[in-house]
Amino acid sequence: WSTVRNLLMAWVLTLPASILLAGGLYIV
């Protein structure tokens, strides 16, 4: 479950993290 939890975290966080990263880079 530690691995499953990490996989789920990566799944859940990927969209918001990439949205923030790309949006910030685009403005810069």
PDB file of all heavy atoms in Angstrom:
ATOM      1  N   TRP A   1       0.804  -1.220   0.000  1.00  0.00           N
ATOM      2  CA  TRP A   1       0.000   0.000   0.000  1.00  0.00           C
ATOM      3  C   TRP A   1       0.834   1.266   0.000  1.00  0.00           C
ATOM      4  O   TRP A   1       0.372   2.327  -0.441  1.00  0.00           O
ATOM      5  CB  TRP A   1      -0.963  -0.012   1.188  1.00  0.00           C
ATOM      6  CG  TRP A   1      -2.075  -0.995   0.974  1.00  0.00           C
ATOM      7  CD1 TRP A   1      -2.245  -2.201   1.581  1.00  0.00           C
ATOM      8  CD2 TRP A   1      -3.141  -0.868   0.037  1.00  0.00           C
ATOM      9  NE1 TRP A   1      -3.356  -2.847   1.092  1.00  0.00           N
ATOM     10  CE2 TRP A   1      -3.933  -2.050   0.138  1.00  0.00           C
ATOM     11  CE3 TRP A   1      -3.516   0.102  -0.887  1.00  0.00           C
ATOM     12  CZ2 TRP A   1      -5.061  -2.253  -0.640  1.00  0.00           C
ATOM     13  CZ3 TRP A   1      -4.644  -0.104  -1.662  1.00  0.00           C
ATOM     14  CH2 TRP A   1      -5.406  -1.265  -1.532  1.00  0.00           C
ATOM     15  N   SER A   2       2.065   1.183   0.448  1.00  0.00           N
ATOM     16  CA  SER A   2       2.928   2.370   0.383  1.00  0.00           C
ATOM     17  C   SER A   2       3.200   2.743  -1.072  1.00  0.00           C
ATOM     18  O   SER A   2       3.147   3.924  -1.452  1.00  0.00           O
ATOM     19  CB  SER A   2       4.254   2.113   1.106  1.00  0.00           C
ATOM     20  OG  SER A   2       4.936   1.011   0.532  1.00  0.00           O
ATOM     21  N   THR A   3       3.445   1.725  -1.916  1.00  0.00           N
ATOM     22  CA  THR A   3       3.662   1.993  -3.339  1.00  0.00           C
ATOM     23  C   THR A   3       2.375   2.457  -3.994  1.00  0.00           C
ATOM     24  O   THR A   3       2.372   3.412  -4.791  1.00  0.00           O
ATOM     25  CB  THR A   3       4.180   0.734  -4.055  1.00  0.00           C
ATOM     26  OG1 THR A   3       5.402   0.336  -3.460  1.00  0.00           O
ATOM     27  CG2 THR A   3       4.396   1.005  -5.533  1.00  0.00           C
ATOM     28  N   VAL A   4       1.264   1.763  -3.693  1.00  0.00           N
ATOM     29  CA  VAL A   4      -0.025   2.150  -4.278  1.00  0.00           C
ATOM     30  C   VAL A   4      -0.355   3.590  -3.903  1.00  0.00           C
ATOM     31  O   VAL A   4      -0.829   4.374  -4.738  1.00  0.00           O
ATOM     32  CB  VAL A   4      -1.137   1.190  -3.810  1.00  0.00           C
ATOM     33  CG1 VAL A   4      -2.508   1.693  -4.275  1.00  0.00           C
ATOM     34  CG2 VAL A   4      -0.882  -0.219  -4.346  1.00  0.00           C
ATOM     35  N   ARG A   5      -0.086   3.934  -2.650  1.00  0.00           N
ATOM     36  CA  ARG A   5      -0.356   5.306  -2.204  1.00  0.00           C
ATOM     37  C   ARG A   5       0.498   6.312  -2.985  1.00  0.00           C
ATOM     38  O   ARG A   5       0.016   7.364  -3.421  1.00  0.00           O
ATOM     39  CB  ARG A   5      -0.063   5.432  -0.707  1.00  0.00           C
ATOM     40  CG  ARG A   5      -0.408   6.828  -0.143  1.00  0.00           C
ATOM     41  CD  ARG A   5      -0.146   6.898   1.351  1.00  0.00           C
ATOM     42  NE  ARG A   5       1.259   6.694   1.659  1.00  0.00           N
ATOM     43  CZ  ARG A   5       1.752   5.624   2.272  1.00  0.00           C
ATOM     44  NH1 ARG A   5       0.923   4.641   2.634  1.00  0.00           N
ATOM     45  NH2 ARG A   5       3.045   5.511   2.525  1.00  0.00           N
ATOM     46  N   ASN A   6       1.781   5.970  -3.200  1.00  0.00           N
ATOM     47  CA  ASN A   6       2.647   6.864  -3.963  1.00  0.00           C
ATOM     48  C   ASN A   6       2.194   6.998  -5.413  1.00  0.00           C
ATOM     49  O   ASN A   6       2.236   8.090  -5.999  1.00  0.00           O
ATOM     50  CB  ASN A   6       4.099   6.352  -3.924  1.00  0.00           C
ATOM     51  CG  ASN A   6       4.727   6.527  -2.551  1.00  0.00           C
ATOM     52  OD1 ASN A   6       4.285   7.362  -1.765  1.00  0.00           O
ATOM     53  ND2 ASN A   6       5.741   5.746  -2.265  1.00  0.00           N
ATOM     54  N   LEU A   7       1.751   5.867  -5.998  1.00  0.00           N
ATOM     55  CA  LEU A   7       1.248   5.914  -7.371  1.00  0.00           C
ATOM     56  C   LEU A   7       0.002   6.783  -7.470  1.00  0.00           C
ATOM     57  O   LEU A   7      -0.151   7.578  -8.402  1.00  0.00           O
ATOM     58  CB  LEU A   7       0.941   4.499  -7.866  1.00  0.00           C
ATOM     59  CG  LEU A   7       2.135   3.568  -8.095  1.00  0.00           C
ATOM     60  CD1 LEU A   7       1.636   2.165  -8.442  1.00  0.00           C
ATOM     61  CD2 LEU A   7       3.030   4.089  -9.186  1.00  0.00           C
ATOM     62  N   LEU A   8      -0.895   6.622  -6.497  1.00  0.00           N
ATOM     63  CA  LEU A   8      -2.114   7.433  -6.494  1.00  0.00           C
ATOM     64  C   LEU A   8      -1.788   8.908  -6.290  1.00  0.00           C
ATOM     65  O   LEU A   8      -2.405   9.784  -6.904  1.00  0.00           O
ATOM     66  CB  LEU A   8      -3.068   6.946  -5.404  1.00  0.00           C
ATOM     67  CG  LEU A   8      -3.754   5.601  -5.671  1.00  0.00           C
ATOM     68  CD1 LEU A   8      -4.545   5.149  -4.441  1.00  0.00           C
ATOM     69  CD2 LEU A   8      -4.681   5.695  -6.884  1.00  0.00           C
ATOM     70  N   MET A   9      -0.798   9.180  -5.426  1.00  0.00           N
ATOM     71  CA  MET A   9      -0.396  10.568  -5.199  1.00  0.00           C
ATOM     72  C   MET A   9       0.154  11.187  -6.484  1.00  0.00           C
ATOM     73  O   MET A   9      -0.159  12.325  -6.828  1.00  0.00           O
ATOM     74  CB  MET A   9       0.649  10.635  -4.091  1.00  0.00           C
ATOM     75  CG  MET A   9       0.082  10.425  -2.690  1.00  0.00           C
ATOM     76  SD  MET A   9      -0.981  11.804  -2.155  1.00  0.00           S
ATOM     77  CE  MET A   9       0.246  13.085  -1.924  1.00  0.00           C
ATOM     78  N   ALA A  10       1.003  10.395  -7.182  1.00  0.00           N
ATOM     79  CA  ALA A  10       1.548  10.895  -8.448  1.00  0.00           C
ATOM     80  C   ALA A  10       0.417  11.135  -9.445  1.00  0.00           C
ATOM     81  O   ALA A  10       0.418  12.115 -10.201  1.00  0.00           O
ATOM     82  CB  ALA A  10       2.561   9.905  -9.018  1.00  0.00           C
ATOM     83  N   TRP A  11      -0.589  10.228  -9.449  1.00  0.00           N
ATOM     84  CA  TRP A  11      -1.724  10.363 -10.354  1.00  0.00           C
ATOM     85  C   TRP A  11      -2.530  11.622 -10.032  1.00  0.00           C
ATOM     86  O   TRP A  11      -2.880  12.402 -10.911  1.00  0.00           O
ATOM     87  CB  TRP A  11      -2.593   9.108 -10.234  1.00  0.00           C
ATOM     88  CG  TRP A  11      -3.701   9.005 -11.236  1.00  0.00           C
ATOM     89  CD1 TRP A  11      -3.769   9.615 -12.457  1.00  0.00           C
ATOM     90  CD2 TRP A  11      -4.903   8.242 -11.114  1.00  0.00           C
ATOM     91  NE1 TRP A  11      -4.924   9.279 -13.111  1.00  0.00           N
ATOM     92  CE2 TRP A  11      -5.648   8.433 -12.309  1.00  0.00           C
ATOM     93  CE3 TRP A  11      -5.417   7.407 -10.131  1.00  0.00           C
ATOM     94  CZ2 TRP A  11      -6.880   7.824 -12.516  1.00  0.00           C
ATOM     95  CZ3 TRP A  11      -6.642   6.800 -10.355  1.00  0.00           C
ATOM     96  CH2 TRP A  11      -7.358   7.007 -11.529  1.00  0.00           C
ATOM     97  N   VAL A  12      -2.808  11.817  -8.741  1.00  0.00           N
ATOM     98  CA  VAL A  12      -3.633  12.953  -8.324  1.00  0.00           C
ATOM     99  C   VAL A  12      -2.886  14.275  -8.502  1.00  0.00           C
ATOM    100  O   VAL A  12      -3.464  15.284  -8.927  1.00  0.00           O
ATOM    101  CB  VAL A  12      -4.075  12.774  -6.853  1.00  0.00           C
ATOM    102  CG1 VAL A  12      -4.727  14.040  -6.327  1.00  0.00           C
ATOM    103  CG2 VAL A  12      -5.027  11.588  -6.735  1.00  0.00           C
ATOM    104  N   LEU A  13      -1.585  14.284  -8.190  1.00  0.00           N
ATOM    105  CA  LEU A  13      -0.832  15.533  -8.200  1.00  0.00           C
ATOM    106  C   LEU A  13      -0.355  15.942  -9.590  1.00  0.00           C
ATOM    107  O   LEU A  13      -0.016  17.105  -9.803  1.00  0.00           O
ATOM    108  CB  LEU A  13       0.381  15.419  -7.274  1.00  0.00           C
ATOM    109  CG  LEU A  13       0.081  15.331  -5.776  1.00  0.00           C
ATOM    110  CD1 LEU A  13       1.369  15.138  -4.989  1.00  0.00           C
ATOM    111  CD2 LEU A  13      -0.640  16.594  -5.297  1.00  0.00           C
ATOM    112  N   THR A  14      -0.296  14.984 -10.526  1.00  0.00           N
ATOM    113  CA  THR A  14       0.279  15.293 -11.839  1.00  0.00           C
ATOM    114  C   THR A  14      -0.445  16.444 -12.526  1.00  0.00           C
ATOM    115  O   THR A  14       0.198  17.381 -13.022  1.00  0.00           O
ATOM    116  CB  THR A  14       0.269  14.041 -12.735  1.00  0.00           C
ATOM    117  OG1 THR A  14       1.225  13.115 -12.232  1.00  0.00           O
ATOM    118  CG2 THR A  14       0.614  14.390 -14.170  1.00  0.00           C
ATOM    119  N   LEU A  15      -1.780  16.394 -12.571  1.00  0.00           N
ATOM    120  CA  LEU A  15      -2.515  17.452 -13.265  1.00  0.00           C
ATOM    121  C   LEU A  15      -2.301  18.826 -12.633  1.00  0.00           C
ATOM    122  O   LEU A  15      -1.889  19.763 -13.317  1.00  0.00           O
ATOM    123  CB  LEU A  15      -3.999  17.107 -13.347  1.00  0.00           C
ATOM    124  CG  LEU A  15      -4.406  16.165 -14.480  1.00  0.00           C
ATOM    125  CD1 LEU A  15      -5.880  15.826 -14.392  1.00  0.00           C
ATOM    126  CD2 LEU A  15      -4.103  16.779 -15.839  1.00  0.00           C
ATOM    127  N   PRO A  16      -2.556  18.997 -11.307  1.00  0.00           N
ATOM    128  CA  PRO A  16      -2.354  20.341 -10.741  1.00  0.00           C
ATOM    129  C   PRO A  16      -0.906  20.810 -10.816  1.00  0.00           C
ATOM    130  O   PRO A  16      -0.638  21.990 -11.061  1.00  0.00           O
ATOM    131  CB  PRO A  16      -2.828  20.196  -9.287  1.00  0.00           C
ATOM    132  CG  PRO A  16      -2.892  18.740  -9.021  1.00  0.00           C
ATOM    133  CD  PRO A  16      -3.149  18.076 -10.317  1.00  0.00           C
ATOM    134  N   ALA A  17       0.052  19.874 -10.611  1.00  0.00           N
ATOM    135  CA  ALA A  17       1.460  20.271 -10.656  1.00  0.00           C
ATOM    136  C   ALA A  17       1.852  20.734 -12.053  1.00  0.00           C
ATOM    137  O   ALA A  17       2.519  21.773 -12.224  1.00  0.00           O
ATOM    138  CB  ALA A  17       2.348  19.110 -10.201  1.00  0.00           C
ATOM    139  N   SER A  18       1.457  19.979 -13.061  1.00  0.00           N
ATOM    140  CA  SER A  18       1.820  20.359 -14.427  1.00  0.00           C
ATOM    141  C   SER A  18       1.069  21.611 -14.876  1.00  0.00           C
ATOM    142  O   SER A  18       1.611  22.424 -15.635  1.00  0.00           O
ATOM    143  CB  SER A  18       1.564  19.196 -15.395  1.00  0.00           C
ATOM    144  OG  SER A  18       0.242  18.709 -15.283  1.00  0.00           O
ATOM    145  N   ILE A  19      -0.160  21.788 -14.400  1.00  0.00           N
ATOM    146  CA  ILE A  19      -0.905  23.013 -14.713  1.00  0.00           C
ATOM    147  C   ILE A  19      -0.175  24.240 -14.173  1.00  0.00           C
ATOM    148  O   ILE A  19       0.026  25.237 -14.873  1.00  0.00           O
ATOM    149  CB  ILE A  19      -2.336  22.933 -14.146  1.00  0.00           C
ATOM    150  CG1 ILE A  19      -3.184  21.959 -14.970  1.00  0.00           C
ATOM    151  CG2 ILE A  19      -3.003  24.314 -14.134  1.00  0.00           C
ATOM    152  CD1 ILE A  19      -4.539  21.652 -14.361  1.00  0.00           C
ATOM    153  N   LEU A  20       0.236  24.157 -12.901  1.00  0.00           N
ATOM    154  CA  LEU A  20       0.941  25.291 -12.281  1.00  0.00           C
ATOM    155  C   LEU A  20       2.298  25.531 -12.931  1.00  0.00           C
ATOM    156  O   LEU A  20       2.677  26.680 -13.197  1.00  0.00           O
ATOM    157  CB  LEU A  20       1.103  25.030 -10.784  1.00  0.00           C
ATOM    158  CG  LEU A  20      -0.185  25.081  -9.951  1.00  0.00           C
ATOM    159  CD1 LEU A  20       0.095  24.639  -8.511  1.00  0.00           C
ATOM    160  CD2 LEU A  20      -0.770  26.491  -9.960  1.00  0.00           C
ATOM    161  N   LEU A  21       3.036  24.446 -13.184  1.00  0.00           N
ATOM    162  CA  LEU A  21       4.350  24.588 -13.808  1.00  0.00           C
ATOM    163  C   LEU A  21       4.246  25.242 -15.185  1.00  0.00           C
ATOM    164  O   LEU A  21       4.943  26.216 -15.493  1.00  0.00           O
ATOM    165  CB  LEU A  21       5.012  23.215 -13.950  1.00  0.00           C
ATOM    166  CG  LEU A  21       5.935  22.731 -12.840  1.00  0.00           C
ATOM    167  CD1 LEU A  21       6.348  21.288 -13.096  1.00  0.00           C
ATOM    168  CD2 LEU A  21       7.163  23.627 -12.734  1.00  0.00           C
ATOM    169  N   ALA A  22       3.364  24.692 -16.026  1.00  0.00           N
ATOM    170  CA  ALA A  22       3.243  25.202 -17.390  1.00  0.00           C
ATOM    171  C   ALA A  22       2.687  26.624 -17.407  1.00  0.00           C
ATOM    172  O   ALA A  22       3.163  27.469 -18.177  1.00  0.00           O
ATOM    173  CB  ALA A  22       2.342  24.277 -18.213  1.00  0.00           C
ATOM    174  N   GLY A  23       1.682  26.884 -16.569  1.00  0.00           N
ATOM    175  CA  GLY A  23       1.118  28.233 -16.518  1.00  0.00           C
ATOM    176  C   GLY A  23       2.146  29.262 -16.084  1.00  0.00           C
ATOM    177  O   GLY A  23       2.263  30.342 -16.682  1.00  0.00           O
ATOM    178  N   GLY A  24       2.919  28.932 -15.050  1.00  0.00           N
ATOM    179  CA  GLY A  24       3.961  29.848 -14.584  1.00  0.00           C
ATOM    180  C   GLY A  24       5.037  30.074 -15.635  1.00  0.00           C
ATOM    181  O   GLY A  24       5.461  31.207 -15.885  1.00  0.00           O
ATOM    182  N   LEU A  25       5.480  28.978 -16.269  1.00  0.00           N
ATOM    183  CA  LEU A  25       6.507  29.103 -17.309  1.00  0.00           C
ATOM    184  C   LEU A  25       5.997  29.920 -18.499  1.00  0.00           C
ATOM    185  O   LEU A  25       6.737  30.722 -19.079  1.00  0.00           O
ATOM    186  CB  LEU A  25       6.935  27.710 -17.789  1.00  0.00           C
ATOM    187  CG  LEU A  25       7.883  26.936 -16.871  1.00  0.00           C
ATOM    188  CD1 LEU A  25       8.014  25.486 -17.344  1.00  0.00           C
ATOM    189  CD2 LEU A  25       9.256  27.599 -16.839  1.00  0.00           C
ATOM    190  N   TYR A  26       4.727  29.733 -18.842  1.00  0.00           N
ATOM    191  CA  TYR A  26       4.169  30.469 -19.979  1.00  0.00           C
ATOM    192  C   TYR A  26       4.167  31.976 -19.706  1.00  0.00           C
ATOM    193  O   TYR A  26       4.549  32.778 -20.574  1.00  0.00           O
ATOM    194  CB  TYR A  26       2.748  29.988 -20.267  1.00  0.00           C
ATOM    195  CG  TYR A  26       2.054  30.756 -21.361  1.00  0.00           C
ATOM    196  CD1 TYR A  26       2.415  30.577 -22.693  1.00  0.00           C
ATOM    197  CD2 TYR A  26       1.030  31.667 -21.071  1.00  0.00           C
ATOM    198  CE1 TYR A  26       1.787  31.284 -23.713  1.00  0.00           C
ATOM    199  CE2 TYR A  26       0.391  32.370 -22.082  1.00  0.00           C
ATOM    200  CZ  TYR A  26       0.780  32.182 -23.401  1.00  0.00           C
ATOM    201  OH  TYR A  26       0.162  32.886 -24.396  1.00  0.00           O
ATOM    202  N   ILE A  27       3.758  32.362 -18.514  1.00  0.00           N
ATOM    203  CA  ILE A  27       3.729  33.790 -18.174  1.00  0.00           C
ATOM    204  C   ILE A  27       5.140  34.372 -18.210  1.00  0.00           C
ATOM    205  O   ILE A  27       5.370  35.474 -18.738  1.00  0.00           O
ATOM    206  CB  ILE A  27       3.082  33.992 -16.795  1.00  0.00           C
ATOM    207  CG1 ILE A  27       1.580  33.649 -16.870  1.00  0.00           C
ATOM    208  CG2 ILE A  27       3.273  35.419 -16.310  1.00  0.00           C
ATOM    209  CD1 ILE A  27       0.876  33.633 -15.527  1.00  0.00           C
ATOM    210  N   VAL A  28       6.114  33.618 -17.676  1.00  0.00           N
ATOM    211  CA  VAL A  28       7.507  34.092 -17.690  1.00  0.00           C
ATOM    212  C   VAL A  28       8.016  34.212 -19.124  1.00  0.00           C
ATOM    213  O   VAL A  28       8.623  35.233 -19.509  1.00  0.00           O
ATOM    214  CB  VAL A  28       8.406  33.139 -16.871  1.00  0.00           C
ATOM    215  CG1 VAL A  28       9.878  33.490 -17.070  1.00  0.00           C
ATOM    216  CG2 VAL A  28       8.045  33.187 -15.393  1.00  0.00           C
TER     217      VAL A  28
END
